[in-house]
């Protein structure tokens, strides 16, 4: 139903007659995510009718991965498509939607989708004023531009946000792509995205720093040491939460933590502030979980309070 309680117009009558339920899809922004989803939608039986990419790598990617699909300016892609997928950087999305709306590119009954984790459907307000149907579909997956990226869609979770009336359609589209739909309220999108960025982005930084420190300690293949340890730690965290905490902070070994601070001041002073911040966070959570007694926590926090002080 549309905003007036009426059924939306039938999209792509000629295409629907040939293959019921199939969509003529346009993709604006053919980067890693856009290209993976374009292929995924083709595999699901939809037709990618046009794409837009402003960079030379994007145009080459279109030629390689989507042969025969027209590469057009963004406004022409939107006008041609029944379902428009906007896979541009988060900070560019609002401007793109406003610009396309100002050119009267959107129309009633047209699906407009984005894959931003940060945004819900509010960013599509200029398009919905023209009668378009807004879906926020965020694949919870890291894409690297590798050939296997489309396969990573299979089994991935998707954070979906739309109106309640269009929730079944959003869920169906995700299921067609082999994913698992997870409902995210509009007002929770920023926290949802912050949580994913914390887990996915920072684990890469943490792992890379750990590997660098091991190399500095003379370990030639740090990944061999880290892989089983980090795999077990991740499994413990997902299974047991704070009860899975291990290490000197969780045990309250203030002396050991103090030696870490001394070593890092010499070997990696740029890492020291992050170590201290994470140690304090871990101490607080271990204390709240009952893993760390208050006396040990006090001694530990005292050490962390002056990580760069004399004699430390």
Foldseek 3Di string as FASTA:
>chain_A
DAPVPDDFDDFPPVVCVVPNPAWAEEEEAQDQVRLLVQVLSVVLPHHDAEYEDDDPVSVVSCCVRPNPHHYDPPLVSLQVTQEYEYEDDPVCQLVVLVVSLVVVSAAANREYEYQDLQAAQPSNVSRVVRRYFYKYWHWLDDTDNDPCSNVVLAATEIEIHGDPVCVVVNQVVSVSSNYHYDYDYRVCSNVRVVVSCVPPVVVVVVVVVVQVVVVVVVDDCVCVVVVVVVVVLVVLCVVPNLVSDDDCLLQLVQVVVLVVLVVCVPVPVVCNVVVLVVSLVNNVSSVVVVSDPPVSSVSNVVCSVCSPDPPD
